[in-house]
Amino acid sequence: MDRTKTPKGPFCQSCGWPLETPREFGTDASGRRINDYCVYCYHNGKFTEPDVALEEMIARAADHLIKTERMHHFQARDIAERSVSRLKRWEHRRAS
């Protein structure tokens, strides 16, 4: 991602990935597009990894930032933790 260009969204409410093209959106059980999740997290009406933990998703997001944005580990982890933990899929974690 070019740091001068901010993704407009929407964003996957599981991993935070920006949803920019039709093929990136998840699908319901009928194969219709849904707007809340990406195809990598949600496909055919269910999560592709139903048991993935919030901590694992944060680690994946941080790793992506390290590789693509060349961020330092601590900066990437901080950004990933703040953004991923606020997404819809993880709401139940905030209520606890």
PDB file of N, CA and C in Angstrom:
ATOM      1  N   MET A   1       0.843  -1.178   0.000  1.00  0.00           N
ATOM      2  CA  MET A   1       0.000   0.000   0.000  1.00  0.00           C
ATOM      3  C   MET A   1       0.883   1.234   0.000  1.00  0.00           C
ATOM      4  N   ASP A   2       0.582   2.148  -0.864  1.00  0.00           N
ATOM      5  CA  ASP A   2       1.273   3.429  -0.921  1.00  0.00           C
ATOM      6  C   ASP A   2       0.825   4.246   0.286  1.00  0.00           C
ATOM      7  N   ARG A   3       1.744   4.673   1.111  1.00  0.00           N
ATOM      8  CA  ARG A   3       1.387   5.397   2.339  1.00  0.00           C
ATOM      9  C   ARG A   3       0.737   6.741   2.063  1.00  0.00           C
ATOM     10  N   THR A   4       0.849   7.252   0.862  1.00  0.00           N
ATOM     11  CA  THR A   4       0.194   8.511   0.528  1.00  0.00           C
ATOM     12  C   THR A   4      -1.249   8.263   0.097  1.00  0.00           C
ATOM     13  N   LYS A   5      -1.601   7.008  -0.124  1.00  0.00           N
ATOM     14  CA  LYS A   5      -2.949   6.648  -0.561  1.00  0.00           C
ATOM     15  C   LYS A   5      -3.609   5.789   0.515  1.00  0.00           C
ATOM     16  N   THR A   6      -4.633   6.286   1.143  1.00  0.00           N
ATOM     17  CA  THR A   6      -5.336   5.548   2.171  1.00  0.00           C
ATOM     18  C   THR A   6      -6.432   4.708   1.534  1.00  0.00           C
ATOM     19  N   PRO A   7      -6.490   3.400   1.866  1.00  0.00           N
ATOM     20  CA  PRO A   7      -7.579   2.579   1.321  1.00  0.00           C
ATOM     21  C   PRO A   7      -8.928   3.143   1.748  1.00  0.00           C
ATOM     22  N   LYS A   8      -9.876   3.145   0.860  1.00  0.00           N
ATOM     23  CA  LYS A   8     -11.175   3.748   1.135  1.00  0.00           C
ATOM     24  C   LYS A   8     -12.136   2.795   1.825  1.00  0.00           C
ATOM     25  N   GLY A   9     -11.913   1.500   1.682  1.00  0.00           N
ATOM     26  CA  GLY A   9     -12.818   0.538   2.290  1.00  0.00           C
ATOM     27  C   GLY A   9     -13.984   0.264   1.374  1.00  0.00           C
ATOM     28  N   PRO A  10     -14.907  -0.561   1.745  1.00  0.00           N
ATOM     29  CA  PRO A  10     -15.021  -1.141   3.085  1.00  0.00           C
ATOM     30  C   PRO A  10     -13.873  -2.098   3.381  1.00  0.00           C
ATOM     31  N   PHE A  11     -13.837  -2.534   4.628  1.00  0.00           N
ATOM     32  CA  PHE A  11     -12.789  -3.424   5.083  1.00  0.00           C
ATOM     33  C   PHE A  11     -13.407  -4.712   5.618  1.00  0.00           C
ATOM     34  N   CYS A  12     -12.683  -5.818   5.437  1.00  0.00           N
ATOM     35  CA  CYS A  12     -13.134  -7.084   5.994  1.00  0.00           C
ATOM     36  C   CYS A  12     -13.236  -6.927   7.505  1.00  0.00           C
ATOM     37  N   GLN A  13     -14.354  -7.340   8.056  1.00  0.00           N
ATOM     38  CA  GLN A  13     -14.604  -7.204   9.486  1.00  0.00           C
ATOM     39  C   GLN A  13     -14.062  -8.377  10.289  1.00  0.00           C
ATOM     40  N   SER A  14     -13.160  -9.129   9.653  1.00  0.00           N
ATOM     41  CA  SER A  14     -12.451 -10.202  10.336  1.00  0.00           C
ATOM     42  C   SER A  14     -10.954  -9.925  10.361  1.00  0.00           C
ATOM     43  N   CYS A  15     -10.394  -9.599   9.190  1.00  0.00           N
ATOM     44  CA  CYS A  15      -8.936  -9.414   9.087  1.00  0.00           C
ATOM     45  C   CYS A  15      -8.511  -7.973   8.811  1.00  0.00           C
ATOM     46  N   GLY A  16      -9.440  -7.125   8.363  1.00  0.00           N
ATOM     47  CA  GLY A  16      -9.126  -5.731   8.089  1.00  0.00           C
ATOM     48  C   GLY A  16      -8.696  -5.434   6.669  1.00  0.00           C
ATOM     49  N   TRP A  17      -8.680  -6.424   5.809  1.00  0.00           N
ATOM     50  CA  TRP A  17      -8.263  -6.244   4.421  1.00  0.00           C
ATOM     51  C   TRP A  17      -9.220  -5.300   3.706  1.00  0.00           C
ATOM     52  N   PRO A  18      -8.720  -4.326   2.932  1.00  0.00           N
ATOM     53  CA  PRO A  18      -9.626  -3.454   2.178  1.00  0.00           C
ATOM     54  C   PRO A  18     -10.308  -4.234   1.053  1.00  0.00           C
ATOM     55  N   LEU A  19     -11.594  -4.053   0.919  1.00  0.00           N
ATOM     56  CA  LEU A  19     -12.381  -4.743  -0.109  1.00  0.00           C
ATOM     57  C   LEU A  19     -12.597  -3.771  -1.255  1.00  0.00           C
ATOM     58  N   GLU A  20     -11.839  -3.974  -2.318  1.00  0.00           N
ATOM     59  CA  GLU A  20     -11.839  -3.008  -3.413  1.00  0.00           C
ATOM     60  C   GLU A  20     -12.437  -3.543  -4.707  1.00  0.00           C
ATOM     61  N   THR A  21     -12.386  -4.850  -4.929  1.00  0.00           N
ATOM     62  CA  THR A  21     -12.928  -5.425  -6.157  1.00  0.00           C
ATOM     63  C   THR A  21     -13.980  -6.466  -5.801  1.00  0.00           C
ATOM     64  N   PRO A  22     -14.938  -6.730  -6.691  1.00  0.00           N
ATOM     65  CA  PRO A  22     -16.008  -7.690  -6.397  1.00  0.00           C
ATOM     66  C   PRO A  22     -15.505  -9.073  -5.982  1.00  0.00           C
ATOM     67  N   ARG A  23     -14.404  -9.526  -6.549  1.00  0.00           N
ATOM     68  CA  ARG A  23     -13.921 -10.870  -6.219  1.00  0.00           C
ATOM     69  C   ARG A  23     -13.317 -10.972  -4.823  1.00  0.00           C
ATOM     70  N   GLU A  24     -13.075  -9.847  -4.168  1.00  0.00           N
ATOM     71  CA  GLU A  24     -12.507  -9.851  -2.819  1.00  0.00           C
ATOM     72  C   GLU A  24     -13.559 -10.021  -1.731  1.00  0.00           C
ATOM     73  N   PHE A  25     -14.818  -9.826  -2.054  1.00  0.00           N
ATOM     74  CA  PHE A  25     -15.890  -9.919  -1.063  1.00  0.00           C
ATOM     75  C   PHE A  25     -16.269 -11.363  -0.781  1.00  0.00           C
ATOM     76  N   GLY A  26     -16.610 -11.645   0.467  1.00  0.00           N
ATOM     77  CA  GLY A  26     -17.085 -12.967   0.840  1.00  0.00           C
ATOM     78  C   GLY A  26     -18.471 -13.218   0.262  1.00  0.00           C
ATOM     79  N   THR A  27     -18.953 -14.443   0.417  1.00  0.00           N
ATOM     80  CA  THR A  27     -20.254 -14.823  -0.131  1.00  0.00           C
ATOM     81  C   THR A  27     -21.115 -15.515   0.919  1.00  0.00           C
ATOM     82  N   ASP A  28     -22.433 -15.374   0.746  1.00  0.00           N
ATOM     83  CA  ASP A  28     -23.353 -16.081   1.629  1.00  0.00           C
ATOM     84  C   ASP A  28     -23.537 -17.513   1.122  1.00  0.00           C
ATOM     85  N   ALA A  29     -24.408 -18.264   1.766  1.00  0.00           N
ATOM     86  CA  ALA A  29     -24.614 -19.670   1.403  1.00  0.00           C
ATOM     87  C   ALA A  29     -25.124 -19.834  -0.021  1.00  0.00           C
ATOM     88  N   SER A  30     -25.753 -18.800  -0.570  1.00  0.00           N
ATOM     89  CA  SER A  30     -26.264 -18.845  -1.946  1.00  0.00           C
ATOM     90  C   SER A  30     -25.238 -18.367  -2.969  1.00  0.00           C
ATOM     91  N   GLY A  31     -24.064 -17.960  -2.486  1.00  0.00           N
ATOM     92  CA  GLY A  31     -23.024 -17.468  -3.381  1.00  0.00           C
ATOM     93  C   GLY A  31     -23.118 -15.992  -3.686  1.00  0.00           C
ATOM     94  N   ARG A  32     -24.043 -15.296  -3.027  1.00  0.00           N
ATOM     95  CA  ARG A  32     -24.165 -13.848  -3.232  1.00  0.00           C
ATOM     96  C   ARG A  32     -23.147 -13.106  -2.370  1.00  0.00           C
ATOM     97  N   ARG A  33     -22.704 -12.000  -2.894  1.00  0.00           N
ATOM     98  CA  ARG A  33     -21.714 -11.156  -2.216  1.00  0.00           C
ATOM     99  C   ARG A  33     -22.258 -10.644  -0.886  1.00  0.00           C
ATOM    100  N   ILE A  34     -21.389 -10.635   0.104  1.00  0.00           N
ATOM    101  CA  ILE A  34     -21.682  -9.973   1.376  1.00  0.00           C
ATOM    102  C   ILE A  34     -20.665  -8.860   1.554  1.00  0.00           C
ATOM    103  N   ASN A  35     -21.029  -7.836   2.260  1.00  0.00           N
ATOM    104  CA  ASN A  35     -20.177  -6.658   2.370  1.00  0.00           C
ATOM    105  C   ASN A  35     -19.304  -6.615   3.622  1.00  0.00           C
ATOM    106  N   ASP A  36     -19.488  -7.547   4.548  1.00  0.00           N
ATOM    107  CA  ASP A  36     -18.753  -7.476   5.808  1.00  0.00           C
ATOM    108  C   ASP A  36     -17.412  -8.196   5.824  1.00  0.00           C
ATOM    109  N   TYR A  37     -17.250  -9.202   4.975  1.00  0.00           N
ATOM    110  CA  TYR A  37     -16.046 -10.032   5.058  1.00  0.00           C
ATOM    111  C   TYR A  37     -15.432 -10.297   3.697  1.00  0.00           C
ATOM    112  N   CYS A  38     -14.118 -10.553   3.698  1.00  0.00           N
ATOM    113  CA  CYS A  38     -13.431 -10.910   2.455  1.00  0.00           C
ATOM    114  C   CYS A  38     -13.628 -12.398   2.167  1.00  0.00           C
ATOM    115  N   VAL A  39     -13.356 -12.772   0.940  1.00  0.00           N
ATOM    116  CA  VAL A  39     -13.521 -14.154   0.509  1.00  0.00           C
ATOM    117  C   VAL A  39     -12.544 -15.085   1.231  1.00  0.00           C
ATOM    118  N   TYR A  40     -11.443 -14.570   1.714  1.00  0.00           N
ATOM    119  CA  TYR A  40     -10.464 -15.399   2.417  1.00  0.00           C
ATOM    120  C   TYR A  40     -10.914 -15.733   3.835  1.00  0.00           C
ATOM    121  N   CYS A  41     -11.746 -14.872   4.410  1.00  0.00           N
ATOM    122  CA  CYS A  41     -12.246 -15.113   5.766  1.00  0.00           C
ATOM    123  C   CYS A  41     -13.642 -15.738   5.778  1.00  0.00           C
ATOM    124  N   TYR A  42     -14.442 -15.457   4.748  1.00  0.00           N
ATOM    125  CA  TYR A  42     -15.846 -15.880   4.760  1.00  0.00           C
ATOM    126  C   TYR A  42     -16.263 -16.300   3.358  1.00  0.00           C
ATOM    127  N   HIS A  43     -16.699 -17.544   3.214  1.00  0.00           N
ATOM    128  CA  HIS A  43     -17.043 -18.080   1.895  1.00  0.00           C
ATOM    129  C   HIS A  43     -18.201 -19.060   2.037  1.00  0.00           C
ATOM    130  N   ASN A  44     -19.176 -18.917   1.151  1.00  0.00           N
ATOM    131  CA  ASN A  44     -20.354 -19.798   1.153  1.00  0.00           C
ATOM    132  C   ASN A  44     -21.095 -19.799   2.483  1.00  0.00           C
ATOM    133  N   GLY A  45     -21.187 -18.633   3.102  1.00  0.00           N
ATOM    134  CA  GLY A  45     -21.997 -18.484   4.308  1.00  0.00           C
ATOM    135  C   GLY A  45     -21.342 -18.878   5.609  1.00  0.00           C
ATOM    136  N   LYS A  46     -20.038 -19.109   5.594  1.00  0.00           N
ATOM    137  CA  LYS A  46     -19.374 -19.448   6.856  1.00  0.00           C
ATOM    138  C   LYS A  46     -17.914 -19.004   6.836  1.00  0.00           C
ATOM    139  N   PHE A  47     -17.367 -18.871   8.028  1.00  0.00           N
ATOM    140  CA  PHE A  47     -15.967 -18.495   8.141  1.00  0.00           C
ATOM    141  C   PHE A  47     -15.088 -19.630   7.625  1.00  0.00           C
ATOM    142  N   THR A  48     -14.047 -19.275   6.889  1.00  0.00           N
ATOM    143  CA  THR A  48     -13.138 -20.283   6.344  1.00  0.00           C
ATOM    144  C   THR A  48     -12.293 -20.915   7.452  1.00  0.00           C
ATOM    145  N   GLU A  49     -12.053 -20.165   8.502  1.00  0.00           N
ATOM    146  CA  GLU A  49     -11.331 -20.671   9.673  1.00  0.00           C
ATOM    147  C   GLU A  49     -12.144 -20.304  10.914  1.00  0.00           C
ATOM    148  N   PRO A  50     -13.169 -21.086  11.219  1.00  0.00           N
ATOM    149  CA  PRO A  50     -14.057 -20.710  12.325  1.00  0.00           C
ATOM    150  C   PRO A  50     -13.379 -20.665  13.692  1.00  0.00           C
ATOM    151  N   ASP A  51     -12.288 -21.369  13.857  1.00  0.00           N
ATOM    152  CA  ASP A  51     -11.633 -21.433  15.160  1.00  0.00           C
ATOM    153  C   ASP A  51     -10.410 -20.537  15.299  1.00  0.00           C
ATOM    154  N   VAL A  52     -10.150 -19.707  14.284  1.00  0.00           N
ATOM    155  CA  VAL A  52      -8.980 -18.830  14.387  1.00  0.00           C
ATOM    156  C   VAL A  52      -9.193 -17.857  15.554  1.00  0.00           C
ATOM    157  N   ALA A  53      -8.139 -17.651  16.306  1.00  0.00           N
ATOM    158  CA  ALA A  53      -8.202 -16.759  17.469  1.00  0.00           C
ATOM    159  C   ALA A  53      -7.856 -15.332  17.063  1.00  0.00           C
ATOM    160  N   LEU A  54      -8.349 -14.402  17.838  1.00  0.00           N
ATOM    161  CA  LEU A  54      -8.043 -12.984  17.614  1.00  0.00           C
ATOM    162  C   LEU A  54      -6.537 -12.760  17.573  1.00  0.00           C
ATOM    163  N   GLU A  55      -5.818 -13.350  18.487  1.00  0.00           N
ATOM    164  CA  GLU A  55      -4.352 -13.171  18.536  1.00  0.00           C
ATOM    165  C   GLU A  55      -3.686 -13.640  17.245  1.00  0.00           C
ATOM    166  N   GLU A  56      -4.174 -14.730  16.664  1.00  0.00           N
ATOM    167  CA  GLU A  56      -3.615 -15.222  15.408  1.00  0.00           C
ATOM    168  C   GLU A  56      -3.896 -14.238  14.277  1.00  0.00           C
ATOM    169  N   MET A  57      -5.114 -13.681  14.244  1.00  0.00           N
ATOM    170  CA  MET A  57      -5.457 -12.717  13.196  1.00  0.00           C
ATOM    171  C   MET A  57      -4.610 -11.450  13.339  1.00  0.00           C
ATOM    172  N   ILE A  58      -4.376 -11.020  14.547  1.00  0.00           N
ATOM    173  CA  ILE A  58      -3.518  -9.858  14.785  1.00  0.00           C
ATOM    174  C   ILE A  58      -2.095 -10.153  14.299  1.00  0.00           C
ATOM    175  N   ALA A  59      -1.594 -11.328  14.609  1.00  0.00           N
ATOM    176  CA  ALA A  59      -0.241 -11.708  14.179  1.00  0.00           C
ATOM    177  C   ALA A  59      -0.140 -11.736  12.655  1.00  0.00           C
ATOM    178  N   ARG A  60      -1.162 -12.245  11.986  1.00  0.00           N
ATOM    179  CA  ARG A  60      -1.164 -12.282  10.519  1.00  0.00           C
ATOM    180  C   ARG A  60      -1.168 -10.877   9.929  1.00  0.00           C
ATOM    181  N   ALA A  61      -1.992 -10.013  10.503  1.00  0.00           N
ATOM    182  CA  ALA A  61      -2.069  -8.632  10.011  1.00  0.00           C
ATOM    183  C   ALA A  61      -0.731  -7.920  10.225  1.00  0.00           C
ATOM    184  N   ALA A  62      -0.123  -8.118  11.381  1.00  0.00           N
ATOM    185  CA  ALA A  62       1.174  -7.498  11.666  1.00  0.00           C
ATOM    186  C   ALA A  62       2.227  -8.014  10.696  1.00  0.00           C
ATOM    187  N   ASP A  63       2.233  -9.310  10.436  1.00  0.00           N
ATOM    188  CA  ASP A  63       3.185  -9.891   9.500  1.00  0.00           C
ATOM    189  C   ASP A  63       3.021  -9.293   8.104  1.00  0.00           C
ATOM    190  N   HIS A  64       1.782  -9.098   7.710  1.00  0.00           N
ATOM    191  CA  HIS A  64       1.509  -8.487   6.407  1.00  0.00           C
ATOM    192  C   HIS A  64       2.069  -7.064   6.346  1.00  0.00           C
ATOM    193  N   LEU A  65       1.872  -6.299   7.404  1.00  0.00           N
ATOM    194  CA  LEU A  65       2.401  -4.929   7.442  1.00  0.00           C
ATOM    195  C   LEU A  65       3.932  -4.911   7.416  1.00  0.00           C
ATOM    196  N   ILE A  66       4.538  -5.843   8.097  1.00  0.00           N
ATOM    197  CA  ILE A  66       6.003  -5.928   8.108  1.00  0.00           C
ATOM    198  C   ILE A  66       6.517  -6.200   6.700  1.00  0.00           C
ATOM    199  N   LYS A  67       5.881  -7.138   6.014  1.00  0.00           N
ATOM    200  CA  LYS A  67       6.340  -7.532   4.684  1.00  0.00           C
ATOM    201  C   LYS A  67       6.021  -6.499   3.609  1.00  0.00           C
ATOM    202  N   THR A  68       4.804  -5.978   3.618  1.00  0.00           N
ATOM    203  CA  THR A  68       4.394  -5.088   2.528  1.00  0.00           C
ATOM    204  C   THR A  68       4.743  -3.626   2.768  1.00  0.00           C
ATOM    205  N   GLU A  69       4.719  -3.206   4.007  1.00  0.00           N
ATOM    206  CA  GLU A  69       4.993  -1.801   4.324  1.00  0.00           C
ATOM    207  C   GLU A  69       6.381  -1.594   4.918  1.00  0.00           C
ATOM    208  N   ARG A  70       7.084  -2.702   5.125  1.00  0.00           N
ATOM    209  CA  ARG A  70       8.425  -2.667   5.706  1.00  0.00           C
ATOM    210  C   ARG A  70       8.445  -1.947   7.051  1.00  0.00           C
ATOM    211  N   MET A  71       7.410  -2.211   7.826  1.00  0.00           N
ATOM    212  CA  MET A  71       7.321  -1.616   9.161  1.00  0.00           C
ATOM    213  C   MET A  71       8.155  -2.422  10.146  1.00  0.00           C
ATOM    214  N   HIS A  72       8.558  -1.753  11.180  1.00  0.00           N
ATOM    215  CA  HIS A  72       9.223  -2.414  12.295  1.00  0.00           C
ATOM    216  C   HIS A  72       8.177  -3.287  12.998  1.00  0.00           C
ATOM    217  N   HIS A  73       8.624  -4.395  13.563  1.00  0.00           N
ATOM    218  CA  HIS A  73       7.720  -5.347  14.216  1.00  0.00           C
ATOM    219  C   HIS A  73       6.796  -4.686  15.246  1.00  0.00           C
ATOM    220  N   PHE A  74       7.340  -3.869  16.114  1.00  0.00           N
ATOM    221  CA  PHE A  74       6.541  -3.272  17.181  1.00  0.00           C
ATOM    222  C   PHE A  74       5.477  -2.314  16.644  1.00  0.00           C
ATOM    223  N   GLN A  75       5.838  -1.536  15.638  1.00  0.00           N
ATOM    224  CA  GLN A  75       4.880  -0.619  15.024  1.00  0.00           C
ATOM    225  C   GLN A  75       3.765  -1.403  14.326  1.00  0.00           C
ATOM    226  N   ALA A  76       4.133  -2.433  13.574  1.00  0.00           N
ATOM    227  CA  ALA A  76       3.146  -3.257  12.865  1.00  0.00           C
ATOM    228  C   ALA A  76       2.221  -3.949  13.859  1.00  0.00           C
ATOM    229  N   ARG A  77       2.765  -4.470  14.917  1.00  0.00           N
ATOM    230  CA  ARG A  77       1.965  -5.164  15.933  1.00  0.00           C
ATOM    231  C   ARG A  77       0.979  -4.197  16.587  1.00  0.00           C
ATOM    232  N   ASP A  78       1.423  -2.998  16.895  1.00  0.00           N
ATOM    233  CA  ASP A  78       0.558  -2.005  17.522  1.00  0.00           C
ATOM    234  C   ASP A  78      -0.604  -1.634  16.599  1.00  0.00           C
ATOM    235  N   ILE A  79      -0.305  -1.373  15.347  1.00  0.00           N
ATOM    236  CA  ILE A  79      -1.353  -1.016  14.380  1.00  0.00           C
ATOM    237  C   ILE A  79      -2.319  -2.177  14.196  1.00  0.00           C
ATOM    238  N   ALA A  80      -1.810  -3.376  14.027  1.00  0.00           N
ATOM    239  CA  ALA A  80      -2.660  -4.545  13.830  1.00  0.00           C
ATOM    240  C   ALA A  80      -3.545  -4.794  15.047  1.00  0.00           C
ATOM    241  N   GLU A  81      -2.985  -4.682  16.223  1.00  0.00           N
ATOM    242  CA  GLU A  81      -3.754  -4.918  17.446  1.00  0.00           C
ATOM    243  C   GLU A  81      -4.891  -3.908  17.587  1.00  0.00           C
ATOM    244  N   ARG A  82      -4.587  -2.644  17.338  1.00  0.00           N
ATOM    245  CA  ARG A  82      -5.619  -1.612  17.457  1.00  0.00           C
ATOM    246  C   ARG A  82      -6.706  -1.750  16.404  1.00  0.00           C
ATOM    247  N   SER A  83      -6.344  -2.106  15.181  1.00  0.00           N
ATOM    248  CA  SER A  83      -7.348  -2.157  14.116  1.00  0.00           C
ATOM    249  C   SER A  83      -8.125  -3.468  14.098  1.00  0.00           C
ATOM    250  N   VAL A  84      -7.466  -4.591  14.164  1.00  0.00           N
ATOM    251  CA  VAL A  84      -8.160  -5.886  14.063  1.00  0.00           C
ATOM    252  C   VAL A  84      -9.086  -6.109  15.252  1.00  0.00           C
ATOM    253  N   SER A  85      -8.656  -5.764  16.442  1.00  0.00           N
ATOM    254  CA  SER A  85      -9.489  -6.020  17.627  1.00  0.00           C
ATOM    255  C   SER A  85     -10.782  -5.203  17.634  1.00  0.00           C
ATOM    256  N   ARG A  86     -10.885  -4.190  16.791  1.00  0.00           N
ATOM    257  CA  ARG A  86     -12.099  -3.358  16.715  1.00  0.00           C
ATOM    258  C   ARG A  86     -13.095  -3.835  15.659  1.00  0.00           C
ATOM    259  N   LEU A  87     -12.757  -4.872  14.924  1.00  0.00           N
ATOM    260  CA  LEU A  87     -13.614  -5.334  13.832  1.00  0.00           C
ATOM    261  C   LEU A  87     -14.797  -6.157  14.336  1.00  0.00           C
ATOM    262  N   LYS A  88     -15.833  -6.203  13.528  1.00  0.00           N
ATOM    263  CA  LYS A  88     -17.106  -6.845  13.880  1.00  0.00           C
ATOM    264  C   LYS A  88     -16.949  -8.280  14.385  1.00  0.00           C
ATOM    265  N   ARG A  89     -16.114  -9.074  13.731  1.00  0.00           N
ATOM    266  CA  ARG A  89     -15.968 -10.477  14.125  1.00  0.00           C
ATOM    267  C   ARG A  89     -15.503 -10.617  15.566  1.00  0.00           C
ATOM    268  N   TRP A  90     -14.805  -9.653  16.082  1.00  0.00           N
ATOM    269  CA  TRP A  90     -14.188  -9.759  17.398  1.00  0.00           C
ATOM    270  C   TRP A  90     -14.930  -8.959  18.467  1.00  0.00           C
ATOM    271  N   GLU A  91     -16.134  -8.471  18.162  1.00  0.00           N
ATOM    272  CA  GLU A  91     -16.912  -7.673  19.123  1.00  0.00           C
ATOM    273  C   GLU A  91     -17.121  -8.381  20.446  1.00  0.00           C
ATOM    274  N   HIS A  92     -17.392  -9.670  20.390  1.00  0.00           N
ATOM    275  CA  HIS A  92     -17.638 -10.417  21.631  1.00  0.00           C
ATOM    276  C   HIS A  92     -16.437 -10.372  22.566  1.00  0.00           C
ATOM    277  N   ARG A  93     -15.243 -10.197  22.024  1.00  0.00           N
ATOM    278  CA  ARG A  93     -14.037 -10.089  22.852  1.00  0.00           C
ATOM    279  C   ARG A  93     -14.005  -8.776  23.616  1.00  0.00           C
ATOM    280  N   ARG A  94     -14.543  -7.712  23.016  1.00  0.00           N
ATOM    281  CA  ARG A  94     -14.536  -6.396  23.673  1.00  0.00           C
ATOM    282  C   ARG A  94     -15.554  -6.347  24.789  1.00  0.00           C
ATOM    283  N   ALA A  95     -16.632  -7.099  24.659  1.00  0.00           N
ATOM    284  CA  ALA A  95     -17.694  -7.081  25.661  1.00  0.00           C
ATOM    285  C   ALA A  95     -17.269  -7.793  26.947  1.00  0.00           C
ATOM    286  N   SER A  96     -16.292  -8.679  26.844  1.00  0.00           N
ATOM    287  CA  SER A  96     -15.856  -9.474  28.009  1.00  0.00           C
ATOM    288  C   SER A  96     -15.063  -8.661  28.990  1.00  0.00           C
TER     289      SER A  96
END
